[in-house]
Structure formats: structure tokens, C-alpha cells
N, C-alpha and C. Protein backbone atom coordinates (compact mmCIF):
# COMPACT_ATOMS: atom_id res chain seq x y z
N MET A 1 19.84 12.34 19.92
CA MET A 1 18.76 12.43 18.95
C MET A 1 18.76 11.16 18.11
N ASN A 2 17.58 10.59 17.93
CA ASN A 2 17.53 9.35 17.16
C ASN A 2 17.53 9.61 15.66
N ARG A 3 17.72 8.56 14.91
CA ARG A 3 17.86 8.69 13.46
C ARG A 3 16.62 9.29 12.80
N GLU A 4 15.44 8.87 13.24
CA GLU A 4 14.21 9.41 12.66
C GLU A 4 14.11 10.92 12.89
N ALA A 5 14.46 11.36 14.09
CA ALA A 5 14.42 12.80 14.39
C ALA A 5 15.42 13.56 13.53
N GLU A 6 16.58 12.97 13.29
CA GLU A 6 17.59 13.62 12.46
C GLU A 6 17.12 13.76 11.02
N ASN A 7 16.38 12.80 10.52
CA ASN A 7 15.92 12.81 9.14
C ASN A 7 14.57 13.47 8.94
N PHE A 8 13.90 13.84 10.03
CA PHE A 8 12.55 14.38 9.91
C PHE A 8 12.47 15.62 9.03
N PRO A 9 13.38 16.60 9.16
CA PRO A 9 13.28 17.77 8.27
C PRO A 9 13.31 17.40 6.79
N GLU A 10 14.20 16.50 6.42
CA GLU A 10 14.28 16.08 5.02
C GLU A 10 13.02 15.32 4.60
N LEU A 11 12.50 14.51 5.50
CA LEU A 11 11.29 13.75 5.20
C LEU A 11 10.11 14.68 4.94
N VAL A 12 9.95 15.69 5.77
CA VAL A 12 8.85 16.65 5.59
C VAL A 12 8.99 17.35 4.24
N LYS A 13 10.18 17.80 3.92
CA LYS A 13 10.41 18.48 2.64
C LYS A 13 10.11 17.56 1.47
N GLU A 14 10.59 16.32 1.55
CA GLU A 14 10.40 15.38 0.46
C GLU A 14 8.92 15.06 0.24
N VAL A 15 8.22 14.78 1.32
CA VAL A 15 6.79 14.46 1.20
C VAL A 15 6.03 15.67 0.65
N ARG A 16 6.32 16.82 1.16
CA ARG A 16 5.63 18.03 0.71
C ARG A 16 5.86 18.28 -0.78
N ARG A 17 7.10 18.13 -1.21
CA ARG A 17 7.42 18.34 -2.64
C ARG A 17 6.75 17.30 -3.52
N LYS A 18 6.76 16.04 -3.09
CA LYS A 18 6.13 14.98 -3.88
C LYS A 18 4.64 15.22 -4.04
N LEU A 19 4.03 15.80 -3.02
CA LEU A 19 2.59 16.07 -3.07
C LEU A 19 2.27 17.42 -3.70
N GLY A 20 3.30 18.20 -4.00
CA GLY A 20 3.11 19.51 -4.61
C GLY A 20 2.43 20.50 -3.68
N LEU A 21 2.73 20.41 -2.40
CA LEU A 21 2.11 21.29 -1.41
C LEU A 21 3.08 22.36 -0.94
N SER A 22 2.56 23.53 -0.66
CA SER A 22 3.36 24.56 -0.02
C SER A 22 3.42 24.23 1.47
N GLN A 23 4.28 24.92 2.20
CA GLN A 23 4.33 24.71 3.64
C GLN A 23 2.97 25.06 4.25
N GLU A 24 2.35 26.11 3.75
CA GLU A 24 1.04 26.52 4.26
C GLU A 24 -0.03 25.46 3.97
N ASP A 25 0.00 24.89 2.77
CA ASP A 25 -0.96 23.83 2.42
C ASP A 25 -0.78 22.61 3.31
N LEU A 26 0.47 22.21 3.52
CA LEU A 26 0.74 21.06 4.37
C LEU A 26 0.29 21.33 5.80
N ALA A 27 0.57 22.53 6.29
CA ALA A 27 0.14 22.90 7.64
C ALA A 27 -1.37 22.77 7.77
N HIS A 28 -2.09 23.23 6.78
CA HIS A 28 -3.56 23.13 6.80
C HIS A 28 -4.01 21.67 6.83
N GLU A 29 -3.39 20.85 6.01
CA GLU A 29 -3.73 19.42 5.97
C GLU A 29 -3.49 18.74 7.31
N LEU A 30 -2.46 19.17 8.02
CA LEU A 30 -2.08 18.54 9.29
C LEU A 30 -2.75 19.19 10.50
N GLY A 31 -3.36 20.36 10.29
CA GLY A 31 -3.98 21.07 11.40
C GLY A 31 -2.98 21.74 12.32
N VAL A 32 -1.86 22.16 11.73
CA VAL A 32 -0.83 22.89 12.49
C VAL A 32 -0.59 24.22 11.79
N SER A 33 0.20 25.06 12.40
CA SER A 33 0.48 26.36 11.79
C SER A 33 1.58 26.24 10.72
N PHE A 34 1.60 27.24 9.85
CA PHE A 34 2.67 27.34 8.85
C PHE A 34 4.02 27.36 9.56
N ALA A 35 4.10 28.13 10.66
CA ALA A 35 5.36 28.25 11.39
C ALA A 35 5.85 26.89 11.90
N THR A 36 4.92 26.04 12.29
CA THR A 36 5.29 24.70 12.77
C THR A 36 5.94 23.90 11.66
N VAL A 37 5.33 23.87 10.50
CA VAL A 37 5.90 23.14 9.37
C VAL A 37 7.25 23.73 9.00
N ASN A 38 7.35 25.03 8.98
CA ASN A 38 8.60 25.70 8.66
C ASN A 38 9.70 25.32 9.65
N ARG A 39 9.37 25.29 10.92
CA ARG A 39 10.36 24.91 11.95
C ARG A 39 10.76 23.45 11.82
N TRP A 40 9.81 22.59 11.48
CA TRP A 40 10.15 21.17 11.27
C TRP A 40 11.14 21.04 10.13
N GLU A 41 10.85 21.71 9.01
CA GLU A 41 11.72 21.60 7.84
C GLU A 41 13.11 22.18 8.08
N ASN A 42 13.19 23.19 8.91
CA ASN A 42 14.47 23.82 9.20
C ASN A 42 15.19 23.16 10.37
N GLY A 43 14.59 22.13 10.94
CA GLY A 43 15.21 21.40 12.03
C GLY A 43 15.24 22.17 13.34
N LYS A 44 14.43 23.21 13.44
CA LYS A 44 14.41 24.02 14.67
C LYS A 44 13.61 23.34 15.78
N THR A 45 12.60 22.57 15.41
CA THR A 45 11.80 21.82 16.38
C THR A 45 11.49 20.45 15.80
N THR A 46 11.09 19.56 16.67
CA THR A 46 10.61 18.25 16.24
C THR A 46 9.15 18.15 16.67
N PRO A 47 8.37 17.33 15.99
CA PRO A 47 6.95 17.25 16.33
C PRO A 47 6.73 16.59 17.68
N SER A 48 5.65 17.02 18.33
CA SER A 48 5.23 16.36 19.56
C SER A 48 4.77 14.96 19.21
N LYS A 49 4.55 14.16 20.23
CA LYS A 49 4.07 12.80 20.00
C LYS A 49 2.74 12.82 19.23
N MET A 50 1.85 13.73 19.62
CA MET A 50 0.56 13.82 18.94
C MET A 50 0.74 14.27 17.49
N ALA A 51 1.58 15.26 17.26
CA ALA A 51 1.82 15.74 15.90
C ALA A 51 2.46 14.66 15.04
N LYS A 52 3.34 13.89 15.63
CA LYS A 52 3.98 12.80 14.88
C LYS A 52 2.94 11.75 14.48
N THR A 53 1.98 11.48 15.35
CA THR A 53 0.91 10.54 15.03
C THR A 53 0.07 11.07 13.87
N VAL A 54 -0.27 12.36 13.91
CA VAL A 54 -1.03 12.98 12.83
C VAL A 54 -0.24 12.92 11.53
N TRP A 55 1.07 13.18 11.61
CA TRP A 55 1.95 13.12 10.43
C TRP A 55 1.93 11.73 9.81
N LYS A 56 2.09 10.71 10.66
CA LYS A 56 2.12 9.33 10.16
C LYS A 56 0.78 8.94 9.53
N GLN A 57 -0.32 9.37 10.13
CA GLN A 57 -1.64 9.08 9.58
C GLN A 57 -1.83 9.78 8.23
N PHE A 58 -1.36 11.03 8.15
CA PHE A 58 -1.44 11.78 6.90
C PHE A 58 -0.66 11.06 5.80
N CYS A 59 0.56 10.66 6.11
CA CYS A 59 1.39 9.97 5.11
C CYS A 59 0.76 8.65 4.70
N GLN A 60 0.24 7.91 5.65
CA GLN A 60 -0.41 6.63 5.35
C GLN A 60 -1.61 6.83 4.43
N ARG A 61 -2.40 7.87 4.71
CA ARG A 61 -3.57 8.17 3.87
C ARG A 61 -3.12 8.51 2.45
N GLN A 62 -2.03 9.27 2.31
CA GLN A 62 -1.52 9.63 0.99
C GLN A 62 -1.04 8.40 0.23
N ILE A 63 -0.43 7.47 0.95
CA ILE A 63 0.03 6.21 0.35
C ILE A 63 -1.18 5.41 -0.13
N GLU A 64 -2.18 5.30 0.72
CA GLU A 64 -3.38 4.54 0.37
C GLU A 64 -4.11 5.13 -0.81
N GLU A 65 -4.07 6.46 -0.95
CA GLU A 65 -4.73 7.14 -2.07
C GLU A 65 -3.85 7.14 -3.33
N GLY A 66 -2.66 6.55 -3.25
CA GLY A 66 -1.77 6.47 -4.39
C GLY A 66 -1.05 7.75 -4.73
N LYS A 67 -1.05 8.70 -3.80
CA LYS A 67 -0.40 9.98 -4.04
C LYS A 67 1.05 10.00 -3.58
N LEU A 68 1.43 8.97 -2.81
CA LEU A 68 2.76 8.92 -2.23
C LEU A 68 3.22 7.48 -2.19
N ASN A 69 4.48 7.26 -2.51
CA ASN A 69 5.06 5.92 -2.40
C ASN A 69 5.59 5.75 -0.99
N ASP A 70 5.49 4.52 -0.46
CA ASP A 70 6.00 4.30 0.90
C ASP A 70 7.44 3.96 0.92
């Protein structure tokens, strides 16, 4: 498992908390289920390549809108 995959659960939690979103809210923003976000945060699954792309785009948009530091 690579370093990014190992840190992904913490990254999801940190971003979600900084944005003040619930797991359900984040799931809606990303177009995935609540269960998916929950599994990511608990390290039970890792995102697919497509989901990872959506995640990165979401984070970039939040950075551009000044809601998240990079």
C-alpha cells in the first residue's frame, strides 16, 4: 500500500472537518454514498481511480474558493 493510500482515511476526515461537513454532506458533494465515505474514513476501502479524481477535483475547487488550505 502506498503512502497516499495509507493516509487517505485521515485526509478525508481532516478535509471534511475543516469544511464542517457531515459524512452524508460530503458524500452528496462527491456523488457517492454515505457508506462509501464512511468506509474511506475507516480505512475499509480505498477510492477507485474515478472516485479519487472526483475527490481531487473537489479539494481543488474548495482550495480555489478559499474554503480549504492546500
